[in-house]
Every structure is written in C-alpha cells, then in structure tokens.
PDB file of N, CA and C in Angstrom:
ATOM      1  N   MET A   1     -19.083  30.497 -13.997  1.00  0.00           N
ATOM      2  CA  MET A   1     -20.079  29.465 -14.558  1.00  0.00           C
ATOM      3  C   MET A   1     -18.751  28.114 -14.395  1.00  0.00           C
ATOM      4  N   LYS A   2     -19.476  27.072 -15.041  1.00  0.00           N
ATOM      5  CA  LYS A   2     -19.725  25.632 -14.405  1.00  0.00           C
ATOM      6  C   LYS A   2     -20.337  24.730 -15.089  1.00  0.00           C
ATOM      7  N   VAL A   3     -19.822  23.545 -16.579  1.00  0.00           N
ATOM      8  CA  VAL A   3     -20.333  23.182 -17.170  1.00  0.00           C
ATOM      9  C   VAL A   3     -20.973  21.928 -16.180  1.00  0.00           C
ATOM     10  N   VAL A   4     -22.103  21.402 -16.374  1.00  0.00           N
ATOM     11  CA  VAL A   4     -21.912  20.184 -15.668  1.00  0.00           C
ATOM     12  C   VAL A   4     -22.125  19.071 -16.331  1.00  0.00           C
ATOM     13  N   GLU A   5     -23.006  18.808 -17.811  1.00  0.00           N
ATOM     14  CA  GLU A   5     -22.196  17.511 -17.994  1.00  0.00           C
ATOM     15  C   GLU A   5     -22.315  17.848 -19.388  1.00  0.00           C
ATOM     16  N   LEU A   6     -21.760  17.670 -21.010  1.00  0.00           N
ATOM     17  CA  LEU A   6     -21.990  17.546 -22.632  1.00  0.00           C
ATOM     18  C   LEU A   6     -23.287  16.363 -22.446  1.00  0.00           C
ATOM     19  N   ARG A   7     -24.489  16.375 -23.109  1.00  0.00           N
ATOM     20  CA  ARG A   7     -24.938  15.515 -23.152  1.00  0.00           C
ATOM     21  C   ARG A   7     -25.751  15.212 -25.311  1.00  0.00           C
ATOM     22  N   GLU A   8     -25.988  14.229 -25.434  1.00  0.00           N
ATOM     23  CA  GLU A   8     -26.374  14.281 -26.912  1.00  0.00           C
ATOM     24  C   GLU A   8     -25.057  14.307 -27.551  1.00  0.00           C
ATOM     25  N   LEU A   9     -23.913  14.004 -26.903  1.00  0.00           N
ATOM     26  CA  LEU A   9     -22.685  13.936 -27.895  1.00  0.00           C
ATOM     27  C   LEU A   9     -22.118  13.483 -28.989  1.00  0.00           C
ATOM     28  N   ASN A  10     -21.870  13.410 -29.924  1.00  0.00           N
ATOM     29  CA  ASN A  10     -22.358  13.115 -31.337  1.00  0.00           C
ATOM     30  C   ASN A  10     -20.816  13.369 -32.221  1.00  0.00           C
ATOM     31  N   ARG A  11     -19.863  12.151 -32.723  1.00  0.00           N
ATOM     32  CA  ARG A  11     -19.157  13.041 -32.962  1.00  0.00           C
ATOM     33  C   ARG A  11     -19.393  12.504 -34.431  1.00  0.00           C
ATOM     34  N   ARG A  12     -18.484  14.284 -35.785  1.00  0.00           N
ATOM     35  CA  ARG A  12     -19.257  13.690 -37.860  1.00  0.00           C
ATOM     36  C   ARG A  12     -17.260  13.315 -38.081  1.00  0.00           C
ATOM     37  N   ASN A  13     -18.331  11.753 -38.323  1.00  0.00           N
ATOM     38  CA  ASN A  13     -16.796  11.849 -39.200  1.00  0.00           C
ATOM     39  C   ASN A  13     -15.841  12.587 -40.214  1.00  0.00           C
ATOM     40  N   ILE A  14     -15.116  12.434 -40.345  1.00  0.00           N
ATOM     41  CA  ILE A  14     -14.405  13.687 -41.089  1.00  0.00           C
ATOM     42  C   ILE A  14     -13.286  12.690 -41.627  1.00  0.00           C
ATOM     43  N   ALA A  15     -13.088  13.406 -43.054  1.00  0.00           N
ATOM     44  CA  ALA A  15     -11.624  12.445 -43.498  1.00  0.00           C
ATOM     45  C   ALA A  15     -10.708  12.879 -42.913  1.00  0.00           C
ATOM     46  N   ILE A  16      -9.792  13.618 -42.267  1.00  0.00           N
ATOM     47  CA  ILE A  16      -9.215  14.805 -41.344  1.00  0.00           C
ATOM     48  C   ILE A  16      -8.559  14.147 -40.648  1.00  0.00           C
ATOM     49  N   HIS A  17      -7.560  13.037 -40.429  1.00  0.00           N
ATOM     50  CA  HIS A  17      -7.557  11.901 -38.804  1.00  0.00           C
ATOM     51  C   HIS A  17      -7.504  12.871 -38.049  1.00  0.00           C
ATOM     52  N   TYR A  18      -6.498  14.556 -37.804  1.00  0.00           N
ATOM     53  CA  TYR A  18      -6.390  14.719 -37.197  1.00  0.00           C
ATOM     54  C   TYR A  18      -6.960  15.690 -36.612  1.00  0.00           C
ATOM     55  N   ILE A  19      -8.366  15.503 -37.356  1.00  0.00           N
ATOM     56  CA  ILE A  19      -9.246  16.772 -36.539  1.00  0.00           C
ATOM     57  C   ILE A  19     -10.758  15.700 -36.463  1.00  0.00           C
ATOM     58  N   LYS A  20     -11.057  16.657 -34.766  1.00  0.00           N
ATOM     59  CA  LYS A  20     -12.371  15.612 -34.351  1.00  0.00           C
ATOM     60  C   LYS A  20     -13.788  17.014 -34.257  1.00  0.00           C
ATOM     61  N   GLU A  21     -14.463  16.573 -35.087  1.00  0.00           N
ATOM     62  CA  GLU A  21     -15.479  17.427 -35.190  1.00  0.00           C
ATOM     63  C   GLU A  21     -16.851  16.533 -34.210  1.00  0.00           C
ATOM     64  N   PHE A  22     -17.777  17.409 -32.837  1.00  0.00           N
ATOM     65  CA  PHE A  22     -18.920  16.863 -32.084  1.00  0.00           C
ATOM     66  C   PHE A  22     -19.664  18.035 -32.070  1.00  0.00           C
ATOM     67  N   THR A  23     -21.364  17.558 -32.122  1.00  0.00           N
ATOM     68  CA  THR A  23     -21.785  18.526 -31.511  1.00  0.00           C
ATOM     69  C   THR A  23     -22.360  17.927 -30.659  1.00  0.00           C
ATOM     70  N   ALA A  24     -22.885  19.136 -29.279  1.00  0.00           N
ATOM     71  CA  ALA A  24     -23.526  17.714 -28.259  1.00  0.00           C
ATOM     72  C   ALA A  24     -24.151  19.832 -27.479  1.00  0.00           C
ATOM     73  N   ILE A  25     -25.106  18.978 -26.036  1.00  0.00           N
ATOM     74  CA  ILE A  25     -25.420  19.593 -25.596  1.00  0.00           C
ATOM     75  C   ILE A  25     -25.663  20.030 -24.152  1.00  0.00           C
ATOM     76  N   ALA A  26     -24.544  21.238 -24.156  1.00  0.00           N
ATOM     77  CA  ALA A  26     -24.022  21.919 -22.769  1.00  0.00           C
ATOM     78  C   ALA A  26     -24.797  22.168 -22.423  1.00  0.00           C
ATOM     79  N   VAL A  27     -25.188  21.145 -20.783  1.00  0.00           N
ATOM     80  CA  VAL A  27     -25.515  21.757 -19.890  1.00  0.00           C
ATOM     81  C   VAL A  27     -24.910  22.806 -18.632  1.00  0.00           C
ATOM     82  N   LEU A  28     -25.592  24.514 -18.223  1.00  0.00           N
ATOM     83  CA  LEU A  28     -24.779  25.613 -18.259  1.00  0.00           C
ATOM     84  C   LEU A  28     -24.997  25.712 -16.471  1.00  0.00           C
ATOM     85  N   GLN A  29     -24.609  26.029 -15.784  1.00  0.00           N
ATOM     86  CA  GLN A  29     -24.782  26.571 -14.176  1.00  0.00           C
ATOM     87  C   GLN A  29     -23.874  27.362 -14.080  1.00  0.00           C
ATOM     88  N   SER A  30     -24.774  28.377 -13.541  1.00  0.00           N
ATOM     89  CA  SER A  30     -24.137  30.046 -12.473  1.00  0.00           C
ATOM     90  C   SER A  30     -25.156  30.099 -11.724  1.00  0.00           C
ATOM     91  N   LYS A  31     -24.417  29.622 -10.942  1.00  0.00           N
ATOM     92  CA  LYS A  31     -24.729  30.017  -8.855  1.00  0.00           C
ATOM     93  C   LYS A  31     -25.972  29.285  -9.089  1.00  0.00           C
ATOM     94  N   ASP A  32     -27.259  29.874  -9.009  1.00  0.00           N
ATOM     95  CA  ASP A  32     -28.959  29.872  -8.991  1.00  0.00           C
ATOM     96  C   ASP A  32     -29.112  29.037 -10.404  1.00  0.00           C
ATOM     97  N   THR A  33     -28.366  29.920 -11.467  1.00  0.00           N
ATOM     98  CA  THR A  33     -29.912  29.007 -12.454  1.00  0.00           C
ATOM     99  C   THR A  33     -29.154  28.010 -13.564  1.00  0.00           C
ATOM    100  N   GLN A  34     -29.995  27.606 -14.116  1.00  0.00           N
ATOM    101  CA  GLN A  34     -28.651  26.377 -15.366  1.00  0.00           C
ATOM    102  C   GLN A  34     -29.910  26.021 -16.942  1.00  0.00           C
ATOM    103  N   THR A  35     -29.174  25.812 -17.395  1.00  0.00           N
ATOM    104  CA  THR A  35     -29.352  25.894 -18.424  1.00  0.00           C
ATOM    105  C   THR A  35     -29.177  25.555 -19.777  1.00  0.00           C
ATOM    106  N   GLU A  36     -29.465  24.741 -20.641  1.00  0.00           N
ATOM    107  CA  GLU A  36     -29.029  24.396 -22.010  1.00  0.00           C
ATOM    108  C   GLU A  36     -29.009  25.003 -22.949  1.00  0.00           C
ATOM    109  N   ALA A  37     -27.313  24.632 -23.985  1.00  0.00           N
ATOM    110  CA  ALA A  37     -27.363  25.081 -24.975  1.00  0.00           C
ATOM    111  C   ALA A  37     -26.562  24.468 -26.147  1.00  0.00           C
ATOM    112  N   GLU A  38     -26.879  24.397 -27.233  1.00  0.00           N
ATOM    113  CA  GLU A  38     -26.988  23.607 -28.281  1.00  0.00           C
ATOM    114  C   GLU A  38     -25.357  24.245 -28.670  1.00  0.00           C
ATOM    115  N   ILE A  39     -24.622  23.273 -29.064  1.00  0.00           N
ATOM    116  CA  ILE A  39     -23.007  23.629 -29.404  1.00  0.00           C
ATOM    117  C   ILE A  39     -22.182  22.808 -30.171  1.00  0.00           C
ATOM    118  N   ALA A  40     -21.288  23.559 -31.236  1.00  0.00           N
ATOM    119  CA  ALA A  40     -20.267  22.697 -31.907  1.00  0.00           C
ATOM    120  C   ALA A  40     -18.755  23.006 -31.576  1.00  0.00           C
ATOM    121  N   PHE A  41     -18.151  22.069 -31.700  1.00  0.00           N
ATOM    122  CA  PHE A  41     -16.627  21.984 -31.956  1.00  0.00           C
ATOM    123  C   PHE A  41     -16.197  21.030 -32.275  1.00  0.00           C
ATOM    124  N   VAL A  42     -14.945  22.047 -32.489  1.00  0.00           N
ATOM    125  CA  VAL A  42     -13.934  21.307 -32.988  1.00  0.00           C
ATOM    126  C   VAL A  42     -12.179  20.961 -32.058  1.00  0.00           C
ATOM    127  N   LEU A  43     -11.107  19.916 -31.950  1.00  0.00           N
ATOM    128  CA  LEU A  43     -10.600  19.954 -31.737  1.00  0.00           C
ATOM    129  C   LEU A  43      -9.429  19.303 -32.004  1.00  0.00           C
ATOM    130  N   GLU A  44      -8.886  19.964 -32.649  1.00  0.00           N
ATOM    131  CA  GLU A  44      -7.481  19.827 -33.672  1.00  0.00           C
ATOM    132  C   GLU A  44      -6.169  19.643 -32.914  1.00  0.00           C
ATOM    133  N   SER A  45      -5.293  18.579 -33.177  1.00  0.00           N
ATOM    134  CA  SER A  45      -4.167  18.124 -32.619  1.00  0.00           C
ATOM    135  C   SER A  45      -3.153  18.289 -32.712  1.00  0.00           C
ATOM    136  N   LYS A  46      -2.305  18.847 -32.540  1.00  0.00           N
ATOM    137  CA  LYS A  46      -1.001  19.493 -33.506  1.00  0.00           C
ATOM    138  C   LYS A  46      -0.463  18.652 -32.045  1.00  0.00           C
ATOM    139  N   ALA A  47       1.034  18.628 -33.661  1.00  0.00           N
ATOM    140  CA  ALA A  47       2.703  17.973 -33.207  1.00  0.00           C
ATOM    141  C   ALA A  47       2.940  17.701 -31.854  1.00  0.00           C
ATOM    142  N   VAL A  48       2.917  19.136 -30.701  1.00  0.00           N
ATOM    143  CA  VAL A  48       3.285  19.453 -30.141  1.00  0.00           C
ATOM    144  C   VAL A  48       2.322  20.328 -29.136  1.00  0.00           C
ATOM    145  N   GLY A  49       2.262  19.383 -28.085  1.00  0.00           N
ATOM    146  CA  GLY A  49       1.144  20.712 -26.727  1.00  0.00           C
ATOM    147  C   GLY A  49       0.146  19.796 -27.299  1.00  0.00           C
ATOM    148  N   PRO A  50      -1.097  20.336 -26.516  1.00  0.00           N
ATOM    149  CA  PRO A  50      -2.008  20.025 -26.128  1.00  0.00           C
ATOM    150  C   PRO A  50      -3.226  20.333 -27.567  1.00  0.00           C
ATOM    151  N   PRO A  51      -4.184  19.863 -27.724  1.00  0.00           N
ATOM    152  CA  PRO A  51      -5.468  19.623 -28.754  1.00  0.00           C
ATOM    153  C   PRO A  51      -5.510  21.834 -29.379  1.00  0.00           C
ATOM    154  N   GLU A  52      -5.759  22.499 -29.813  1.00  0.00           N
ATOM    155  CA  GLU A  52      -6.701  23.231 -30.127  1.00  0.00           C
ATOM    156  C   GLU A  52      -8.750  22.861 -29.685  1.00  0.00           C
ATOM    157  N   VAL A  53      -8.721  23.942 -29.831  1.00  0.00           N
ATOM    158  CA  VAL A  53     -10.305  23.825 -28.944  1.00  0.00           C
ATOM    159  C   VAL A  53     -10.831  24.861 -29.567  1.00  0.00           C
ATOM    160  N   SER A  54     -11.750  25.135 -30.511  1.00  0.00           N
ATOM    161  CA  SER A  54     -13.076  25.869 -31.570  1.00  0.00           C
ATOM    162  C   SER A  54     -14.176  25.494 -30.765  1.00  0.00           C
ATOM    163  N   VAL A  55     -15.040  26.384 -30.651  1.00  0.00           N
ATOM    164  CA  VAL A  55     -16.577  26.170 -29.458  1.00  0.00           C
ATOM    165  C   VAL A  55     -16.908  27.289 -30.159  1.00  0.00           C
ATOM    166  N   ARG A  56     -17.776  26.497 -30.696  1.00  0.00           N
ATOM    167  CA  ARG A  56     -19.020  27.270 -30.773  1.00  0.00           C
ATOM    168  C   ARG A  56     -20.214  27.317 -30.478  1.00  0.00           C
ATOM    169  N   VAL A  57     -21.727  28.476 -29.895  1.00  0.00           N
ATOM    170  CA  VAL A  57     -22.826  28.021 -28.814  1.00  0.00           C
ATOM    171  C   VAL A  57     -24.101  28.274 -30.172  1.00  0.00           C
ATOM    172  N   LEU A  58     -24.679  27.303 -30.493  1.00  0.00           N
ATOM    173  CA  LEU A  58     -25.520  28.003 -31.407  1.00  0.00           C
ATOM    174  C   LEU A  58     -26.620  28.349 -31.737  1.00  0.00           C
ATOM    175  N   ASN A  59     -27.165  28.074 -30.485  1.00  0.00           N
ATOM    176  CA  ASN A  59     -28.496  29.073 -29.874  1.00  0.00           C
ATOM    177  C   ASN A  59     -28.611  29.896 -28.355  1.00  0.00           C
ATOM    178  N   PRO A  60     -28.618  31.394 -28.844  1.00  0.00           N
ATOM    179  CA  PRO A  60     -27.901  31.802 -27.444  1.00  0.00           C
ATOM    180  C   PRO A  60     -28.474  31.802 -26.140  1.00  0.00           C
ATOM    181  N   VAL A  61     -27.222  32.376 -25.033  1.00  0.00           N
ATOM    182  CA  VAL A  61     -27.751  31.904 -23.773  1.00  0.00           C
ATOM    183  C   VAL A  61     -27.738  33.550 -23.940  1.00  0.00           C
ATOM    184  N   ASP A  62     -28.629  33.595 -22.367  1.00  0.00           N
ATOM    185  CA  ASP A  62     -29.041  34.596 -21.680  1.00  0.00           C
ATOM    186  C   ASP A  62     -27.703  35.354 -20.588  1.00  0.00           C
ATOM    187  N   TRP A  63     -26.210  34.155 -20.906  1.00  0.00           N
ATOM    188  CA  TRP A  63     -25.109  34.759 -20.376  1.00  0.00           C
ATOM    189  C   TRP A  63     -24.076  35.475 -21.723  1.00  0.00           C
ATOM    190  N   PRO A  64     -22.888  36.633 -20.523  1.00  0.00           N
ATOM    191  CA  PRO A  64     -21.413  36.656 -21.490  1.00  0.00           C
ATOM    192  C   PRO A  64     -21.596  35.349 -22.341  1.00  0.00           C
ATOM    193  N   LEU A  65     -20.827  35.516 -23.315  1.00  0.00           N
ATOM    194  CA  LEU A  65     -20.384  34.861 -24.483  1.00  0.00           C
ATOM    195  C   LEU A  65     -19.552  34.484 -23.453  1.00  0.00           C
ATOM    196  N   LEU A  66     -18.319  35.450 -23.421  1.00  0.00           N
ATOM    197  CA  LEU A  66     -16.707  35.172 -23.526  1.00  0.00           C
ATOM    198  C   LEU A  66     -16.936  33.825 -22.133  1.00  0.00           C
ATOM    199  N   PRO A  67     -17.164  34.359 -21.099  1.00  0.00           N
ATOM    200  CA  PRO A  67     -16.943  32.966 -20.072  1.00  0.00           C
ATOM    201  C   PRO A  67     -17.151  32.328 -19.847  1.00  0.00           C
ATOM    202  N   VAL A  68     -18.431  31.232 -21.026  1.00  0.00           N
ATOM    203  CA  VAL A  68     -19.619  30.201 -21.332  1.00  0.00           C
ATOM    204  C   VAL A  68     -18.747  29.645 -22.446  1.00  0.00           C
ATOM    205  N   VAL A  69     -18.071  30.614 -23.551  1.00  0.00           N
ATOM    206  CA  VAL A  69     -17.161  29.733 -24.274  1.00  0.00           C
ATOM    207  C   VAL A  69     -15.636  28.929 -23.561  1.00  0.00           C
ATOM    208  N   ARG A  70     -15.045  29.771 -22.316  1.00  0.00           N
ATOM    209  CA  ARG A  70     -14.215  29.487 -22.178  1.00  0.00           C
ATOM    210  C   ARG A  70     -14.095  28.203 -21.319  1.00  0.00           C
ATOM    211  N   ALA A  71     -15.343  28.524 -20.096  1.00  0.00           N
ATOM    212  CA  ALA A  71     -16.040  27.579 -19.485  1.00  0.00           C
ATOM    213  C   ALA A  71     -16.029  26.346 -20.902  1.00  0.00           C
ATOM    214  N   LEU A  72     -16.462  25.949 -21.263  1.00  0.00           N
ATOM    215  CA  LEU A  72     -16.440  24.889 -22.015  1.00  0.00           C
ATOM    216  C   LEU A  72     -16.158  24.594 -23.142  1.00  0.00           C
ATOM    217  N   ARG A  73     -14.411  25.258 -23.402  1.00  0.00           N
ATOM    218  CA  ARG A  73     -12.893  25.033 -23.738  1.00  0.00           C
ATOM    219  C   ARG A  73     -12.373  24.377 -22.974  1.00  0.00           C
ATOM    220  N   ASP A  74     -11.848  25.062 -21.469  1.00  0.00           N
ATOM    221  CA  ASP A  74     -11.709  23.998 -19.946  1.00  0.00           C
ATOM    222  C   ASP A  74     -11.547  22.852 -19.904  1.00  0.00           C
ATOM    223  N   HIS A  75     -13.490  22.605 -20.304  1.00  0.00           N
ATOM    224  CA  HIS A  75     -14.375  21.252 -19.773  1.00  0.00           C
ATOM    225  C   HIS A  75     -14.010  20.783 -21.424  1.00  0.00           C
ATOM    226  N   ILE A  76     -14.076  20.452 -22.263  1.00  0.00           N
ATOM    227  CA  ILE A  76     -13.900  19.627 -23.468  1.00  0.00           C
ATOM    228  C   ILE A  76     -12.476  19.382 -22.956  1.00  0.00           C
ATOM    229  N   LEU A  77     -11.136  20.611 -23.087  1.00  0.00           N
ATOM    230  CA  LEU A  77     -10.082  19.401 -22.505  1.00  0.00           C
ATOM    231  C   LEU A  77     -10.087  18.739 -21.902  1.00  0.00           C
ATOM    232  N   GLU A  78     -10.465  18.894 -20.471  1.00  0.00           N
ATOM    233  CA  GLU A  78     -10.073  18.057 -19.805  1.00  0.00           C
ATOM    234  C   GLU A  78     -10.845  16.366 -20.032  1.00  0.00           C
ATOM    235  N   LEU A  79     -12.053  16.715 -20.928  1.00  0.00           N
ATOM    236  CA  LEU A  79     -12.776  15.273 -21.429  1.00  0.00           C
ATOM    237  C   LEU A  79     -11.865  14.765 -22.640  1.00  0.00           C
ATOM    238  N   GLU A  80     -10.833  15.364 -23.285  1.00  0.00           N
ATOM    239  CA  GLU A  80     -10.235  14.689 -24.164  1.00  0.00           C
ATOM    240  C   GLU A  80      -8.932  14.468 -23.927  1.00  0.00           C
ATOM    241  N   THR A  81      -8.361  15.264 -22.848  1.00  0.00           N
ATOM    242  CA  THR A  81      -6.603  14.521 -21.684  1.00  0.00           C
ATOM    243  C   THR A  81      -7.188  13.155 -20.864  1.00  0.00           C
ATOM    244  N   SER A  82      -8.498  13.320 -20.418  1.00  0.00           N
ATOM    245  CA  SER A  82      -8.649  11.865 -19.734  1.00  0.00           C
ATOM    246  C   SER A  82      -9.242  10.759 -20.587  1.00  0.00           C
ATOM    247  N   GLY A  83      -9.355  11.041 -21.842  1.00  0.00           N
ATOM    248  CA  GLY A  83      -9.749   9.945 -22.713  1.00  0.00           C
ATOM    249  C   GLY A  83     -11.096   9.699 -22.676  1.00  0.00           C
ATOM    250  N   ARG A  84     -12.711  10.748 -22.489  1.00  0.00           N
ATOM    251  CA  ARG A  84     -13.418  10.247 -22.766  1.00  0.00           C
ATOM    252  C   ARG A  84     -14.656  10.742 -24.000  1.00  0.00           C
ATOM    253  N   LEU A  85     -13.311  11.774 -24.839  1.00  0.00           N
ATOM    254  CA  LEU A  85     -14.008  11.387 -26.025  1.00  0.00           C
ATOM    255  C   LEU A  85     -13.651  11.003 -27.032  1.00  0.00           C
ATOM    256  N   ASN A  86     -14.908  10.487 -27.588  1.00  0.00           N
ATOM    257  CA  ASN A  86     -13.563   9.244 -28.757  1.00  0.00           C
ATOM    258  C   ASN A  86     -13.814   9.720 -30.112  1.00  0.00           C
TER     259      ASN A  86
END
C-alpha cells in the first residue's frame, strides 16, 4: 500500500491554533491497481513529540481499511515534518 499523492488539499480555518483540519483526495496504489479516496484528517500538535494524526476515509475503498489508514498517516506525518502542509 502506497500513497501516491494528496490532491485538492484544503485546510479548514478553526479557532484552536494547535489543531489543523484538512480534507483531500488521496491517490492510493497497491501493486497494479490505483484508486482515489476522499479523506479528512486532523493534525494536533503536542507539547513534546510528533503531532497526533487522525484520519477518516469518507468514501468506501476496496482494500482493508487498516493498511490504508496507516499508509495515509505515515504520508501525512512526512508532509508535516517536511513543511509541505501549511
């Protein structure tokens, strides 16, 4: 399971400064097949350590959900640590 990209990434403006909410379309790839899924995720900054990531898949996918969420969480953390999520 691999996340190719997150397209149409939109950030919701909320009043709490340590929480970031996003929606996106995730392009997922597994072996020969590729699919898209609408997702919503929240990044919550902690005082110490990496941010906490909560991911929701908004439309059904044909793959087991746990590996999809795990791959999305890892990809989102990579984007956050590299500064590509504003």
